[in-house]
């Protein structure tokens, strides 16, 4: 996963065997804010669920999961949010993700306008 940005990840649909189930709305980081551990996914039924990045396969055009059961309930989402932090909660615009979902670089503001 070297070179993937959080913004790119957050614009990919989440699908189970090709069926659209939701969109990621925030990146959940570990307590130190050094590694991404999961996604807050807004599902088609308008509920938020936690998706561990370890349980997903990030492809060029989607975040694929093998089963809807990998999308954990709002209770688990609340746990991971409380134990860690989020990209948006830290006021970050973007992050460059490297191997093992480690944060390689942070973007704290809006990108500069093109000249």
C-alpha atoms as a PDB file:
ATOM      1  CA  UNK A   1       0.000   0.000   0.000  1.00  0.00           C
ATOM      2  CA  UNK A   2       2.940   2.365  -0.231  1.00  0.00           C
ATOM      3  CA  UNK A   3       2.006   5.761  -1.629  1.00  0.00           C
ATOM      4  CA  UNK A   4      -1.769   5.650  -1.096  1.00  0.00           C
ATOM      5  CA  UNK A   5      -3.271   8.807   0.372  1.00  0.00           C
ATOM      6  CA  UNK A   6      -6.082   8.880   2.894  1.00  0.00           C
ATOM      7  CA  UNK A   7      -8.123  11.075   0.542  1.00  0.00           C
ATOM      8  CA  UNK A   8      -7.835   8.469  -2.209  1.00  0.00           C
ATOM      9  CA  UNK A   9      -8.900   5.752   0.228  1.00  0.00           C
ATOM     10  CA  UNK A  10     -11.863   7.814   1.450  1.00  0.00           C
ATOM     11  CA  UNK A  11     -13.177   8.203  -2.102  1.00  0.00           C
ATOM     12  CA  UNK A  12     -13.371   4.474  -2.833  1.00  0.00           C
ATOM     13  CA  UNK A  13     -16.681   2.626  -2.438  1.00  0.00           C
ATOM     14  CA  UNK A  14     -16.857  -0.293  -0.023  1.00  0.00           C
ATOM     15  CA  UNK A  15     -18.152  -3.414  -1.729  1.00  0.00           C
ATOM     16  CA  UNK A  16     -18.933  -6.987  -0.734  1.00  0.00           C
ATOM     17  CA  UNK A  17     -18.422  -9.271  -3.739  1.00  0.00           C
ATOM     18  CA  UNK A  18     -19.027  -6.327  -6.060  1.00  0.00           C
ATOM     19  CA  UNK A  19     -22.164  -5.100  -4.264  1.00  0.00           C
ATOM     20  CA  UNK A  20     -21.920  -1.522  -3.000  1.00  0.00           C
ATOM     21  CA  UNK A  21     -22.491  -1.359   0.765  1.00  0.00           C
ATOM     22  CA  UNK A  22     -21.168   2.061   1.744  1.00  0.00           C
ATOM     23  CA  UNK A  23     -18.607   4.852   1.644  1.00  0.00           C
ATOM     24  CA  UNK A  24     -15.747   5.517   4.047  1.00  0.00           C
ATOM     25  CA  UNK A  25     -16.158   8.874   5.797  1.00  0.00           C
ATOM     26  CA  UNK A  26     -13.133   8.937   8.099  1.00  0.00           C
ATOM     27  CA  UNK A  27      -9.858   7.156   8.691  1.00  0.00           C
ATOM     28  CA  UNK A  28      -9.383   5.761  12.186  1.00  0.00           C
ATOM     29  CA  UNK A  29      -5.840   5.892  13.540  1.00  0.00           C
ATOM     30  CA  UNK A  30      -4.189   4.179  16.474  1.00  0.00           C
ATOM     31  CA  UNK A  31      -3.884   6.081  19.767  1.00  0.00           C
ATOM     32  CA  UNK A  32      -0.493   7.506  18.786  1.00  0.00           C
ATOM     33  CA  UNK A  33      -1.801   8.647  15.412  1.00  0.00           C
ATOM     34  CA  UNK A  34       1.011   6.861  13.619  1.00  0.00           C
ATOM     35  CA  UNK A  35      -0.899   4.123  11.807  1.00  0.00           C
ATOM     36  CA  UNK A  36      -4.314   3.713  10.207  1.00  0.00           C
ATOM     37  CA  UNK A  37      -6.294   0.836  11.699  1.00  0.00           C
ATOM     38  CA  UNK A  38      -9.705   1.144  10.098  1.00  0.00           C
ATOM     39  CA  UNK A  39     -12.444   3.132   8.466  1.00  0.00           C
ATOM     40  CA  UNK A  40     -15.687   4.688   9.606  1.00  0.00           C
ATOM     41  CA  UNK A  41     -18.025   3.508   6.845  1.00  0.00           C
ATOM     42  CA  UNK A  42     -21.404   5.102   6.198  1.00  0.00           C
ATOM     43  CA  UNK A  43     -23.437   2.146   4.981  1.00  0.00           C
ATOM     44  CA  UNK A  44     -26.394   2.119   2.609  1.00  0.00           C
ATOM     45  CA  UNK A  45     -28.773   1.688   5.585  1.00  0.00           C
ATOM     46  CA  UNK A  46     -27.469   5.059   6.923  1.00  0.00           C
ATOM     47  CA  UNK A  47     -25.596   3.527   9.850  1.00  0.00           C
ATOM     48  CA  UNK A  48     -21.917   3.971  10.570  1.00  0.00           C
ATOM     49  CA  UNK A  49     -19.816   0.834  10.942  1.00  0.00           C
ATOM     50  CA  UNK A  50     -16.161   0.058  11.625  1.00  0.00           C
ATOM     51  CA  UNK A  51     -14.096  -1.691   8.966  1.00  0.00           C
ATOM     52  CA  UNK A  52     -10.661  -2.899  10.028  1.00  0.00           C
ATOM     53  CA  UNK A  53      -8.159  -2.292   7.240  1.00  0.00           C
ATOM     54  CA  UNK A  54      -6.702  -5.730   7.950  1.00  0.00           C
ATOM     55  CA  UNK A  55     -10.046  -7.230   6.861  1.00  0.00           C
ATOM     56  CA  UNK A  56     -10.207  -5.280   3.594  1.00  0.00           C
ATOM     57  CA  UNK A  57      -8.504  -5.439   0.242  1.00  0.00           C
ATOM     58  CA  UNK A  58      -7.893  -2.021  -1.238  1.00  0.00           C
ATOM     59  CA  UNK A  59      -8.105  -2.143  -5.015  1.00  0.00           C
ATOM     60  CA  UNK A  60      -7.798   0.552  -7.644  1.00  0.00           C
ATOM     61  CA  UNK A  61     -11.559   1.116  -7.809  1.00  0.00           C
ATOM     62  CA  UNK A  62     -12.924  -0.238  -4.515  1.00  0.00           C
ATOM     63  CA  UNK A  63     -12.370  -1.376  -0.968  1.00  0.00           C
ATOM     64  CA  UNK A  64     -13.351  -5.024  -1.139  1.00  0.00           C
ATOM     65  CA  UNK A  65     -14.493  -7.082   1.822  1.00  0.00           C
ATOM     66  CA  UNK A  66     -15.392 -10.748   1.676  1.00  0.00           C
ATOM     67  CA  UNK A  67     -18.407 -10.517   3.977  1.00  0.00           C
ATOM     68  CA  UNK A  68     -20.734  -7.867   5.358  1.00  0.00           C
ATOM     69  CA  UNK A  69     -19.900  -9.335   8.772  1.00  0.00           C
ATOM     70  CA  UNK A  70     -16.512  -7.593   8.592  1.00  0.00           C
ATOM     71  CA  UNK A  71     -18.370  -4.277   8.941  1.00  0.00           C
ATOM     72  CA  UNK A  72     -18.703  -4.046  12.706  1.00  0.00           C
ATOM     73  CA  UNK A  73     -21.581  -2.291  14.480  1.00  0.00           C
ATOM     74  CA  UNK A  74     -21.674   1.240  15.821  1.00  0.00           C
ATOM     75  CA  UNK A  75     -20.726  -0.136  19.261  1.00  0.00           C
ATOM     76  CA  UNK A  76     -17.390  -1.400  17.939  1.00  0.00           C
ATOM     77  CA  UNK A  77     -16.958   1.801  15.935  1.00  0.00           C
ATOM     78  CA  UNK A  78     -17.397   3.837  19.114  1.00  0.00           C
ATOM     79  CA  UNK A  79     -14.799   1.648  20.862  1.00  0.00           C
ATOM     80  CA  UNK A  80     -12.175   2.159  18.143  1.00  0.00           C
ATOM     81  CA  UNK A  81     -12.904   5.891  17.967  1.00  0.00           C
ATOM     82  CA  UNK A  82     -12.491   6.169  21.751  1.00  0.00           C
ATOM     83  CA  UNK A  83      -9.284   4.107  21.825  1.00  0.00           C
ATOM     84  CA  UNK A  84      -7.685   5.893  18.885  1.00  0.00           C
ATOM     85  CA  UNK A  85      -8.134   9.073  16.945  1.00  0.00           C
ATOM     86  CA  UNK A  86      -9.394   9.995  13.502  1.00  0.00           C
ATOM     87  CA  UNK A  87      -7.915  11.851  10.577  1.00  0.00           C
ATOM     88  CA  UNK A  88     -10.703  14.446  10.660  1.00  0.00           C
ATOM     89  CA  UNK A  89     -10.674  14.618  14.469  1.00  0.00           C
ATOM     90  CA  UNK A  90      -7.011  15.593  14.391  1.00  0.00           C
ATOM     91  CA  UNK A  91      -7.836  18.379  11.940  1.00  0.00           C
ATOM     92  CA  UNK A  92      -5.850  16.753   9.161  1.00  0.00           C
ATOM     93  CA  UNK A  93      -6.671  17.171   5.508  1.00  0.00           C
ATOM     94  CA  UNK A  94      -4.778  14.147   4.233  1.00  0.00           C
ATOM     95  CA  UNK A  95      -2.061  11.637   5.029  1.00  0.00           C
ATOM     96  CA  UNK A  96       0.281   9.539   2.963  1.00  0.00           C
ATOM     97  CA  UNK A  97      -0.047   5.880   3.959  1.00  0.00           C
ATOM     98  CA  UNK A  98       2.865   3.488   3.716  1.00  0.00           C
ATOM     99  CA  UNK A  99       3.588  -0.143   4.500  1.00  0.00           C
ATOM    100  CA  UNK A 100       1.454  -1.691   7.224  1.00  0.00           C
ATOM    101  CA  UNK A 101      -0.789   1.419   7.023  1.00  0.00           C
ATOM    102  CA  UNK A 102       1.845   3.603   8.722  1.00  0.00           C
ATOM    103  CA  UNK A 103       1.482   7.355   8.317  1.00  0.00           C
ATOM    104  CA  UNK A 104       4.464   8.562   6.262  1.00  0.00           C
ATOM    105  CA  UNK A 105       3.446  12.214   5.887  1.00  0.00           C
ATOM    106  CA  UNK A 106       0.614  14.482   7.036  1.00  0.00           C
ATOM    107  CA  UNK A 107      -1.212  17.295   5.289  1.00  0.00           C
ATOM    108  CA  UNK A 108      -2.617  19.736   7.850  1.00  0.00           C
ATOM    109  CA  UNK A 109      -4.362  22.259   5.609  1.00  0.00           C
ATOM    110  CA  UNK A 110      -5.996  22.698   2.258  1.00  0.00           C
ATOM    111  CA  UNK A 111      -3.710  22.125  -0.719  1.00  0.00           C
ATOM    112  CA  UNK A 112      -2.195  25.225  -2.286  1.00  0.00           C
ATOM    113  CA  UNK A 113      -4.078  26.554  -5.331  1.00  0.00           C
ATOM    114  CA  UNK A 114      -2.570  25.754  -8.709  1.00  0.00           C
ATOM    115  CA  UNK A 115      -0.610  28.600 -10.267  1.00  0.00           C
END
